[in-house]
Amino acid sequence: MNIYYIKQKLSFKDKYMIYDINEKPVLQVTGSSSTVTFERIFGSLFSIGHILQVNNLEGEKQFIIKRKPGFLWKRYDIIIEGDTISVNQNKNLFVPKMYINARCSNYLIKGDILAKNFSITKDGVEIAQISKKTLSLQDIYEICVYEDHEDKLAIAILIAMDNCYHN
């Protein structure tokens, strides 16, 4: 099991770090600056598309999260090691849920009604748990990944989920 933290300060920039359990930085997230302001203001209604790239501390690309252009319901492509995984927001306003279309497995992200706690399941088995800390001036997430080989995908899903429900 691996535990990671994401701490985002309130900003119009998409640039923040992902930390391990010892609060040591392990990954950096950066967004395409040309669309960040637009997405922050109008992103809950419609999107012109947005790209987030996640690099290790040496600057090597680990994965990319692309928000697709669209109206109201959010859709993302996560690109990891050449594979594209589609993440689609459920069209239910009361229970946050996202479906993931991957080549070999069925994933589901399901959250509580406030979109603060989520579980990620793969073929019906929980592989990660996400929780958002409340009463803070910054977004702080903790993700516990139970399957070691699912770290990148679980972190990418967390970033897409944050972008979908809390930006």
N, C-alpha and C. Protein backbone atom coordinates (compact mmCIF):
# COMPACT_ATOMS: atom_id res chain seq x y z
N MET A 1 0.84 -1.18 0.00
CA MET A 1 0.00 0.00 0.00
C MET A 1 0.88 1.24 0.00
N ASN A 2 0.53 2.22 -0.83
CA ASN A 2 1.24 3.48 -0.89
C ASN A 2 0.28 4.62 -0.59
N ILE A 3 0.76 5.63 0.12
CA ILE A 3 -0.05 6.80 0.46
C ILE A 3 0.61 8.03 -0.13
N TYR A 4 -0.22 8.87 -0.77
CA TYR A 4 0.25 10.11 -1.38
C TYR A 4 -0.65 11.26 -0.92
N TYR A 5 -0.09 12.47 -0.98
CA TYR A 5 -0.82 13.68 -0.64
C TYR A 5 -0.70 14.68 -1.78
N ILE A 6 -1.78 15.38 -2.03
CA ILE A 6 -1.76 16.50 -2.97
C ILE A 6 -2.19 17.72 -2.19
N LYS A 7 -1.39 18.78 -2.28
CA LYS A 7 -1.71 20.04 -1.62
C LYS A 7 -1.72 21.13 -2.68
N GLN A 8 -2.91 21.68 -2.93
CA GLN A 8 -3.08 22.74 -3.93
C GLN A 8 -3.44 24.03 -3.24
N LYS A 9 -2.68 25.07 -3.54
CA LYS A 9 -3.03 26.39 -3.02
C LYS A 9 -4.05 27.03 -3.94
N LEU A 10 -4.87 27.90 -3.38
CA LEU A 10 -5.85 28.62 -4.17
C LEU A 10 -5.12 29.51 -5.16
N SER A 11 -5.30 29.24 -6.46
CA SER A 11 -4.54 29.95 -7.48
C SER A 11 -5.21 29.78 -8.83
N PHE A 12 -4.89 30.67 -9.75
CA PHE A 12 -5.35 30.52 -11.12
C PHE A 12 -4.35 29.71 -11.94
N LYS A 13 -3.30 29.20 -11.31
CA LYS A 13 -2.31 28.38 -12.00
C LYS A 13 -2.53 26.92 -11.62
N ASP A 14 -2.26 26.05 -12.55
CA ASP A 14 -2.25 24.62 -12.25
C ASP A 14 -0.80 24.19 -12.15
N LYS A 15 -0.23 24.34 -10.97
CA LYS A 15 1.13 23.89 -10.71
C LYS A 15 1.22 23.54 -9.23
N TYR A 16 1.42 22.26 -8.97
CA TYR A 16 1.50 21.81 -7.58
C TYR A 16 2.25 20.49 -7.53
N MET A 17 2.57 20.08 -6.31
CA MET A 17 3.36 18.87 -6.09
C MET A 17 2.50 17.76 -5.51
N ILE A 18 2.95 16.53 -5.73
CA ILE A 18 2.37 15.34 -5.10
C ILE A 18 3.44 14.78 -4.18
N TYR A 19 3.06 14.48 -2.94
CA TYR A 19 4.01 14.06 -1.91
C TYR A 19 3.76 12.62 -1.50
N ASP A 20 4.81 11.96 -1.02
CA ASP A 20 4.65 10.61 -0.48
C ASP A 20 4.26 10.70 0.99
N ILE A 21 4.19 9.57 1.66
CA ILE A 21 3.74 9.53 3.06
C ILE A 21 4.68 10.31 3.98
N ASN A 22 5.95 10.45 3.61
CA ASN A 22 6.92 11.21 4.41
C ASN A 22 6.92 12.69 4.05
N GLU A 23 5.94 13.12 3.25
CA GLU A 23 5.79 14.48 2.76
C GLU A 23 6.99 14.93 1.92
N LYS A 24 7.58 13.97 1.23
CA LYS A 24 8.66 14.25 0.29
C LYS A 24 8.04 14.36 -1.11
N PRO A 25 8.35 15.43 -1.87
CA PRO A 25 7.77 15.56 -3.21
C PRO A 25 8.22 14.41 -4.11
N VAL A 26 7.25 13.86 -4.87
CA VAL A 26 7.58 12.77 -5.80
C VAL A 26 7.17 13.09 -7.23
N LEU A 27 6.15 13.92 -7.42
CA LEU A 27 5.67 14.28 -8.74
C LEU A 27 5.27 15.75 -8.77
N GLN A 28 5.35 16.35 -9.97
CA GLN A 28 4.90 17.74 -10.14
C GLN A 28 3.84 17.79 -11.24
N VAL A 29 2.75 18.52 -10.96
CA VAL A 29 1.66 18.69 -11.91
C VAL A 29 1.73 20.11 -12.46
N THR A 30 1.68 20.24 -13.79
CA THR A 30 1.63 21.56 -14.42
C THR A 30 0.54 21.56 -15.48
N GLY A 31 -0.14 22.69 -15.59
CA GLY A 31 -1.22 22.82 -16.56
C GLY A 31 -0.84 23.77 -17.67
N SER A 32 -1.55 23.64 -18.78
CA SER A 32 -1.34 24.55 -19.91
C SER A 32 -1.89 25.92 -19.51
N SER A 33 -1.01 26.88 -19.36
CA SER A 33 -1.39 28.17 -18.78
C SER A 33 -2.37 28.97 -19.64
N SER A 34 -2.44 28.70 -20.93
CA SER A 34 -3.31 29.48 -21.79
C SER A 34 -4.79 29.23 -21.52
N THR A 35 -5.16 28.08 -20.98
CA THR A 35 -6.57 27.77 -20.76
C THR A 35 -6.95 27.70 -19.28
N VAL A 36 -5.99 27.84 -18.38
CA VAL A 36 -6.27 27.67 -16.96
C VAL A 36 -7.31 28.67 -16.46
N THR A 37 -7.13 29.96 -16.75
CA THR A 37 -8.04 30.98 -16.26
C THR A 37 -9.45 30.76 -16.79
N PHE A 38 -9.56 30.47 -18.07
CA PHE A 38 -10.87 30.21 -18.67
C PHE A 38 -11.55 29.02 -17.98
N GLU A 39 -10.81 27.94 -17.79
CA GLU A 39 -11.37 26.74 -17.16
C GLU A 39 -11.78 27.01 -15.71
N ARG A 40 -11.02 27.81 -14.98
CA ARG A 40 -11.36 28.13 -13.59
C ARG A 40 -12.68 28.91 -13.51
N ILE A 41 -12.91 29.81 -14.47
CA ILE A 41 -14.10 30.65 -14.44
C ILE A 41 -15.32 29.93 -15.02
N PHE A 42 -15.17 29.32 -16.19
CA PHE A 42 -16.31 28.75 -16.90
C PHE A 42 -16.35 27.23 -16.91
N GLY A 43 -15.37 26.56 -16.32
CA GLY A 43 -15.22 25.11 -16.43
C GLY A 43 -16.37 24.28 -15.91
N SER A 44 -17.18 24.84 -14.99
CA SER A 44 -18.30 24.04 -14.49
C SER A 44 -19.43 23.96 -15.51
N LEU A 45 -19.47 24.88 -16.47
CA LEU A 45 -20.52 24.85 -17.50
C LEU A 45 -20.04 24.24 -18.80
N PHE A 46 -18.92 24.73 -19.30
CA PHE A 46 -18.39 24.18 -20.55
C PHE A 46 -16.87 24.32 -20.56
N SER A 47 -16.26 23.52 -21.38
CA SER A 47 -14.80 23.47 -21.43
C SER A 47 -14.31 23.61 -22.86
N ILE A 48 -13.19 24.31 -23.01
CA ILE A 48 -12.53 24.37 -24.31
C ILE A 48 -11.39 23.35 -24.37
N GLY A 49 -11.22 22.61 -23.30
CA GLY A 49 -10.15 21.63 -23.22
C GLY A 49 -9.02 22.16 -22.37
N HIS A 50 -8.34 21.26 -21.70
CA HIS A 50 -7.28 21.64 -20.77
C HIS A 50 -6.34 20.45 -20.63
N ILE A 51 -5.05 20.70 -20.54
CA ILE A 51 -4.08 19.61 -20.42
C ILE A 51 -3.27 19.79 -19.15
N LEU A 52 -3.15 18.72 -18.38
CA LEU A 52 -2.29 18.67 -17.21
C LEU A 52 -1.23 17.60 -17.46
N GLN A 53 0.01 17.96 -17.22
CA GLN A 53 1.11 16.99 -17.39
C GLN A 53 1.73 16.73 -16.03
N VAL A 54 2.00 15.46 -15.75
CA VAL A 54 2.61 15.07 -14.48
C VAL A 54 3.99 14.51 -14.77
N ASN A 55 5.00 15.14 -14.14
CA ASN A 55 6.39 14.75 -14.32
C ASN A 55 6.97 14.29 -12.99
N ASN A 56 8.00 13.44 -13.08
CA ASN A 56 8.75 13.13 -11.86
C ASN A 56 9.67 14.31 -11.56
N LEU A 57 10.43 14.23 -10.49
CA LEU A 57 11.27 15.37 -10.09
C LEU A 57 12.43 15.63 -11.04
N GLU A 58 12.75 14.65 -11.89
CA GLU A 58 13.79 14.84 -12.90
C GLU A 58 13.23 15.47 -14.17
N GLY A 59 11.93 15.75 -14.20
CA GLY A 59 11.29 16.37 -15.35
C GLY A 59 10.81 15.39 -16.41
N GLU A 60 10.86 14.09 -16.13
CA GLU A 60 10.40 13.09 -17.08
C GLU A 60 8.89 12.90 -16.98
N LYS A 61 8.22 12.94 -18.13
CA LYS A 61 6.77 12.83 -18.17
C LYS A 61 6.33 11.44 -17.69
N GLN A 62 5.38 11.43 -16.75
CA GLN A 62 4.83 10.19 -16.22
C GLN A 62 3.46 9.88 -16.82
N PHE A 63 2.62 10.92 -16.94
CA PHE A 63 1.33 10.78 -17.60
C PHE A 63 0.74 12.14 -17.90
N ILE A 64 -0.30 12.15 -18.74
CA ILE A 64 -0.98 13.37 -19.15
C ILE A 64 -2.47 13.18 -18.90
N ILE A 65 -3.13 14.25 -18.46
CA ILE A 65 -4.58 14.25 -18.28
C ILE A 65 -5.13 15.34 -19.18
N LYS A 66 -5.98 14.96 -20.13
CA LYS A 66 -6.58 15.92 -21.06
C LYS A 66 -8.07 16.03 -20.78
N ARG A 67 -8.51 17.24 -20.47
CA ARG A 67 -9.96 17.45 -20.36
C ARG A 67 -10.47 17.76 -21.76
N LYS A 68 -11.45 17.02 -22.18
CA LYS A 68 -11.98 17.18 -23.53
C LYS A 68 -12.95 18.37 -23.58
N PRO A 69 -13.01 19.06 -24.72
CA PRO A 69 -14.00 20.13 -24.86
C PRO A 69 -15.40 19.54 -24.71
N GLY A 70 -16.28 20.31 -24.08
CA GLY A 70 -17.64 19.81 -23.91
C GLY A 70 -18.49 20.75 -23.09
N PHE A 71 -19.75 20.40 -22.94
CA PHE A 71 -20.73 21.20 -22.22
C PHE A 71 -21.28 20.41 -21.05
N LEU A 72 -21.24 20.95 -19.85
CA LEU A 72 -21.80 20.43 -18.62
C LEU A 72 -21.11 19.17 -18.08
N TRP A 73 -21.18 18.02 -18.77
CA TRP A 73 -20.58 16.79 -18.26
C TRP A 73 -19.12 16.73 -18.68
N LYS A 74 -18.27 16.37 -17.74
CA LYS A 74 -16.83 16.42 -17.97
C LYS A 74 -16.31 15.06 -18.44
N ARG A 75 -15.37 15.13 -19.41
CA ARG A 75 -14.74 13.93 -19.94
C ARG A 75 -13.23 14.17 -20.01
N TYR A 76 -12.48 13.13 -19.69
CA TYR A 76 -11.02 13.23 -19.65
C TYR A 76 -10.40 12.04 -20.37
N ASP A 77 -9.23 12.26 -20.92
CA ASP A 77 -8.36 11.17 -21.39
C ASP A 77 -7.12 11.19 -20.53
N ILE A 78 -6.77 10.04 -19.98
CA ILE A 78 -5.53 9.88 -19.23
C ILE A 78 -4.60 9.05 -20.10
N ILE A 79 -3.42 9.57 -20.37
CA ILE A 79 -2.46 8.88 -21.22
C ILE A 79 -1.27 8.45 -20.36
N ILE A 80 -1.15 7.14 -20.19
CA ILE A 80 -0.08 6.55 -19.38
C ILE A 80 0.64 5.52 -20.23
N GLU A 81 1.94 5.72 -20.40
CA GLU A 81 2.78 4.76 -21.13
C GLU A 81 2.16 4.37 -22.47
N GLY A 82 1.63 5.35 -23.20
CA GLY A 82 1.09 5.12 -24.53
C GLY A 82 -0.35 4.63 -24.56
N ASP A 83 -0.91 4.25 -23.43
CA ASP A 83 -2.31 3.81 -23.36
C ASP A 83 -3.21 4.99 -23.02
N THR A 84 -4.34 5.10 -23.71
CA THR A 84 -5.31 6.14 -23.43
C THR A 84 -6.49 5.54 -22.68
N ILE A 85 -6.79 6.13 -21.54
CA ILE A 85 -7.89 5.68 -20.70
C ILE A 85 -8.90 6.81 -20.62
N SER A 86 -10.15 6.54 -20.95
CA SER A 86 -11.20 7.56 -20.92
C SER A 86 -11.92 7.56 -19.59
N VAL A 87 -12.11 8.76 -19.04
CA VAL A 87 -12.83 8.95 -17.78
C VAL A 87 -14.01 9.86 -18.06
N ASN A 88 -15.21 9.41 -17.71
CA ASN A 88 -16.42 10.17 -18.00
C ASN A 88 -17.23 10.38 -16.73
N GLN A 89 -17.65 11.64 -16.51
CA GLN A 89 -18.48 11.96 -15.37
C GLN A 89 -19.88 11.39 -15.58
N ASN A 90 -20.42 10.80 -14.54
CA ASN A 90 -21.79 10.29 -14.58
C ASN A 90 -22.77 11.45 -14.65
N LYS A 91 -23.87 11.27 -15.33
CA LYS A 91 -24.85 12.34 -15.48
C LYS A 91 -25.87 12.34 -14.34
N ASN A 92 -25.41 12.07 -13.13
CA ASN A 92 -26.24 12.09 -11.94
C ASN A 92 -25.72 13.23 -11.06
N LEU A 93 -26.55 14.19 -10.76
CA LEU A 93 -26.11 15.36 -10.00
C LEU A 93 -25.96 15.10 -8.50
N PHE A 94 -26.51 14.00 -7.97
CA PHE A 94 -26.55 13.81 -6.53
C PHE A 94 -25.45 12.92 -5.98
N VAL A 95 -25.03 11.91 -6.70
CA VAL A 95 -23.97 11.02 -6.24
C VAL A 95 -22.83 11.08 -7.24
N PRO A 96 -21.69 11.67 -6.83
CA PRO A 96 -20.56 11.75 -7.76
C PRO A 96 -20.08 10.36 -8.18
N LYS A 97 -20.00 10.17 -9.48
CA LYS A 97 -19.56 8.89 -10.00
C LYS A 97 -18.90 9.14 -11.35
N MET A 98 -17.81 8.43 -11.61
CA MET A 98 -17.12 8.54 -12.90
C MET A 98 -16.85 7.13 -13.40
N TYR A 99 -16.99 6.96 -14.70
CA TYR A 99 -16.72 5.67 -15.33
C TYR A 99 -15.42 5.75 -16.12
N ILE A 100 -14.66 4.68 -16.07
CA ILE A 100 -13.38 4.64 -16.75
C ILE A 100 -13.41 3.54 -17.78
N ASN A 101 -13.08 3.90 -19.01
CA ASN A 101 -12.99 2.92 -20.08
C ASN A 101 -11.52 2.61 -20.32
N ALA A 102 -11.09 1.46 -19.86
CA ALA A 102 -9.72 1.00 -20.06
C ALA A 102 -9.77 -0.26 -20.91
N ARG A 103 -8.66 -0.56 -21.54
CA ARG A 103 -8.62 -1.67 -22.49
C ARG A 103 -8.89 -3.02 -21.83
N CYS A 104 -8.34 -3.27 -20.67
CA CYS A 104 -8.40 -4.61 -20.09
C CYS A 104 -9.30 -4.76 -18.87
N SER A 105 -9.68 -3.66 -18.23
CA SER A 105 -10.41 -3.76 -16.97
C SER A 105 -11.53 -2.73 -16.91
N ASN A 106 -12.46 -2.97 -15.99
CA ASN A 106 -13.54 -2.02 -15.73
C ASN A 106 -13.27 -1.33 -14.40
N TYR A 107 -13.15 -0.01 -14.45
CA TYR A 107 -12.92 0.79 -13.26
C TYR A 107 -14.16 1.62 -12.97
N LEU A 108 -14.35 1.96 -11.70
CA LEU A 108 -15.44 2.83 -11.29
C LEU A 108 -14.94 3.71 -10.15
N ILE A 109 -15.25 5.00 -10.23
CA ILE A 109 -14.94 5.93 -9.15
C ILE A 109 -16.28 6.35 -8.56
N LYS A 110 -16.45 6.14 -7.28
CA LYS A 110 -17.72 6.47 -6.64
C LYS A 110 -17.44 7.31 -5.40
N GLY A 111 -18.18 8.42 -5.26
CA GLY A 111 -17.96 9.32 -4.14
C GLY A 111 -19.18 9.53 -3.29
N ASP A 112 -18.96 10.21 -2.16
CA ASP A 112 -20.09 10.58 -1.32
C ASP A 112 -20.79 11.80 -1.90
N ILE A 113 -21.89 12.19 -1.31
CA ILE A 113 -22.73 13.24 -1.88
C ILE A 113 -22.02 14.60 -1.92
N LEU A 114 -21.05 14.84 -1.05
CA LEU A 114 -20.30 16.10 -1.04
C LEU A 114 -19.04 16.05 -1.89
N ALA A 115 -18.77 14.92 -2.52
CA ALA A 115 -17.57 14.72 -3.35
C ALA A 115 -16.29 14.96 -2.54
N LYS A 116 -16.28 14.44 -1.31
CA LYS A 116 -15.09 14.57 -0.44
C LYS A 116 -14.35 13.24 -0.29
N ASN A 117 -15.07 12.13 -0.37
CA ASN A 117 -14.47 10.81 -0.21
C ASN A 117 -14.86 9.95 -1.41
N PHE A 118 -13.87 9.27 -1.98
CA PHE A 118 -14.09 8.45 -3.17
C PHE A 118 -13.41 7.11 -3.00
N SER A 119 -13.96 6.13 -3.67
CA SER A 119 -13.27 4.84 -3.79
C SER A 119 -13.11 4.54 -5.28
N ILE A 120 -12.01 3.91 -5.61
CA ILE A 120 -11.73 3.48 -6.98
C ILE A 120 -11.73 1.96 -6.97
N THR A 121 -12.59 1.36 -7.79
CA THR A 121 -12.62 -0.09 -7.88
C THR A 121 -12.22 -0.53 -9.29
N LYS A 122 -11.59 -1.69 -9.34
CA LYS A 122 -11.19 -2.32 -10.60
C LYS A 122 -11.81 -3.70 -10.61
N ASP A 123 -12.68 -3.93 -11.58
CA ASP A 123 -13.39 -5.22 -11.68
C ASP A 123 -14.04 -5.60 -10.35
N GLY A 124 -14.61 -4.60 -9.65
CA GLY A 124 -15.32 -4.85 -8.41
C GLY A 124 -14.48 -4.88 -7.15
N VAL A 125 -13.14 -4.76 -7.27
CA VAL A 125 -12.24 -4.81 -6.11
C VAL A 125 -11.68 -3.40 -5.88
N GLU A 126 -11.77 -2.92 -4.64
CA GLU A 126 -11.26 -1.59 -4.33
C GLU A 126 -9.74 -1.57 -4.44
N ILE A 127 -9.23 -0.62 -5.24
CA ILE A 127 -7.78 -0.48 -5.42
C ILE A 127 -7.24 0.79 -4.79
N ALA A 128 -8.12 1.77 -4.48
CA ALA A 128 -7.66 3.01 -3.87
C ALA A 128 -8.81 3.72 -3.17
N GLN A 129 -8.45 4.53 -2.18
CA GLN A 129 -9.40 5.33 -1.42
C GLN A 129 -8.87 6.77 -1.42
N ILE A 130 -9.75 7.74 -1.71
CA ILE A 130 -9.38 9.15 -1.77
C ILE A 130 -10.20 9.91 -0.73
N SER A 131 -9.54 10.80 0.00
CA SER A 131 -10.28 11.67 0.92
C SER A 131 -9.75 13.09 0.80
N LYS A 132 -10.69 14.04 0.85
CA LYS A 132 -10.35 15.46 0.79
C LYS A 132 -10.53 16.04 2.18
N LYS A 133 -9.50 16.74 2.65
CA LYS A 133 -9.59 17.37 3.96
C LYS A 133 -10.47 18.61 3.85
N THR A 134 -11.29 18.83 4.85
CA THR A 134 -12.18 19.98 4.85
C THR A 134 -11.64 21.07 5.77
N LEU A 135 -12.26 22.22 5.70
CA LEU A 135 -11.89 23.38 6.52
C LEU A 135 -10.44 23.77 6.34
N SER A 136 -10.03 23.95 5.10
CA SER A 136 -8.67 24.35 4.78
C SER A 136 -8.72 25.38 3.66
N LEU A 137 -7.74 26.28 3.63
CA LEU A 137 -7.67 27.28 2.57
C LEU A 137 -7.09 26.72 1.28
N GLN A 138 -6.63 25.51 1.33
CA GLN A 138 -6.11 24.85 0.13
C GLN A 138 -6.76 23.48 0.00
N ASP A 139 -6.77 22.96 -1.22
CA ASP A 139 -7.26 21.60 -1.43
C ASP A 139 -6.18 20.63 -0.98
N ILE A 140 -6.51 19.76 -0.04
CA ILE A 140 -5.57 18.74 0.43
C ILE A 140 -6.24 17.39 0.29
N TYR A 141 -5.61 16.50 -0.46
CA TYR A 141 -6.13 15.15 -0.68
C TYR A 141 -5.15 14.13 -0.15
N GLU A 142 -5.70 13.03 0.34
CA GLU A 142 -4.90 11.86 0.68
C GLU A 142 -5.44 10.71 -0.17
N ILE A 143 -4.54 9.99 -0.79
CA ILE A 143 -4.94 8.82 -1.57
C ILE A 143 -4.14 7.62 -1.08
N CYS A 144 -4.85 6.57 -0.73
CA CYS A 144 -4.25 5.29 -0.34
C CYS A 144 -4.44 4.34 -1.51
N VAL A 145 -3.34 3.89 -2.10
CA VAL A 145 -3.39 2.98 -3.23
C VAL A 145 -3.01 1.59 -2.73
N TYR A 146 -3.94 0.65 -2.85
CA TYR A 146 -3.74 -0.69 -2.32
C TYR A 146 -2.98 -1.61 -3.27
N GLU A 147 -3.00 -1.31 -4.56
CA GLU A 147 -2.30 -2.11 -5.57
C GLU A 147 -1.11 -1.29 -6.09
N ASP A 148 0.12 -1.77 -5.85
CA ASP A 148 1.32 -1.01 -6.20
C ASP A 148 1.38 -0.61 -7.66
N HIS A 149 0.98 -1.48 -8.56
CA HIS A 149 1.09 -1.19 -9.98
C HIS A 149 0.00 -0.24 -10.48
N GLU A 150 -0.90 0.20 -9.60
CA GLU A 150 -1.98 1.11 -9.98
C GLU A 150 -1.73 2.55 -9.52
N ASP A 151 -0.52 2.86 -9.01
CA ASP A 151 -0.24 4.19 -8.46
C ASP A 151 -0.49 5.31 -9.47
N LYS A 152 0.11 5.23 -10.65
CA LYS A 152 -0.01 6.30 -11.63
C LYS A 152 -1.47 6.54 -12.03
N LEU A 153 -2.19 5.46 -12.30
CA LEU A 153 -3.58 5.61 -12.71
C LEU A 153 -4.41 6.19 -11.57
N ALA A 154 -4.21 5.73 -10.34
CA ALA A 154 -4.98 6.23 -9.21
C ALA A 154 -4.72 7.72 -8.98
N ILE A 155 -3.47 8.14 -9.09
CA ILE A 155 -3.14 9.57 -8.94
C ILE A 155 -3.76 10.38 -10.08
N ALA A 156 -3.69 9.86 -11.30
CA ALA A 156 -4.30 10.55 -12.44
C ALA A 156 -5.81 10.69 -12.26
N ILE A 157 -6.45 9.65 -11.75
CA ILE A 157 -7.89 9.70 -11.50
C ILE A 157 -8.20 10.75 -10.43
N LEU A 158 -7.40 10.82 -9.39
CA LEU A 158 -7.59 11.83 -8.35
C LEU A 158 -7.51 13.23 -8.94
N ILE A 159 -6.53 13.48 -9.80
CA ILE A 159 -6.38 14.80 -10.41
C ILE A 159 -7.58 15.13 -11.29
N ALA A 160 -8.03 14.16 -12.08
CA ALA A 160 -9.22 14.37 -12.92
C ALA A 160 -10.45 14.61 -12.06
N MET A 161 -10.59 13.83 -10.99
CA MET A 161 -11.73 13.98 -10.09
C MET A 161 -11.72 15.35 -9.42
N ASP A 162 -10.57 15.81 -8.97
CA ASP A 162 -10.47 17.14 -8.38
C ASP A 162 -10.86 18.21 -9.40
N ASN A 163 -10.36 18.06 -10.61
CA ASN A 163 -10.67 19.00 -11.68
C ASN A 163 -12.16 19.00 -11.99
N CYS A 164 -12.77 17.85 -11.90
CA CYS A 164 -14.18 17.70 -12.23
C CYS A 164 -15.10 18.28 -11.14
N TYR A 165 -14.83 18.01 -9.89
CA TYR A 165 -15.76 18.37 -8.82
C TYR A 165 -15.37 19.58 -7.97
N HIS A 166 -14.08 19.94 -7.96
CA HIS A 166 -13.66 20.99 -7.01
C HIS A 166 -12.96 22.18 -7.65
N ASN A 167 -12.83 22.22 -8.95
CA ASN A 167 -12.22 23.40 -9.60
C ASN A 167 -13.29 24.27 -10.20
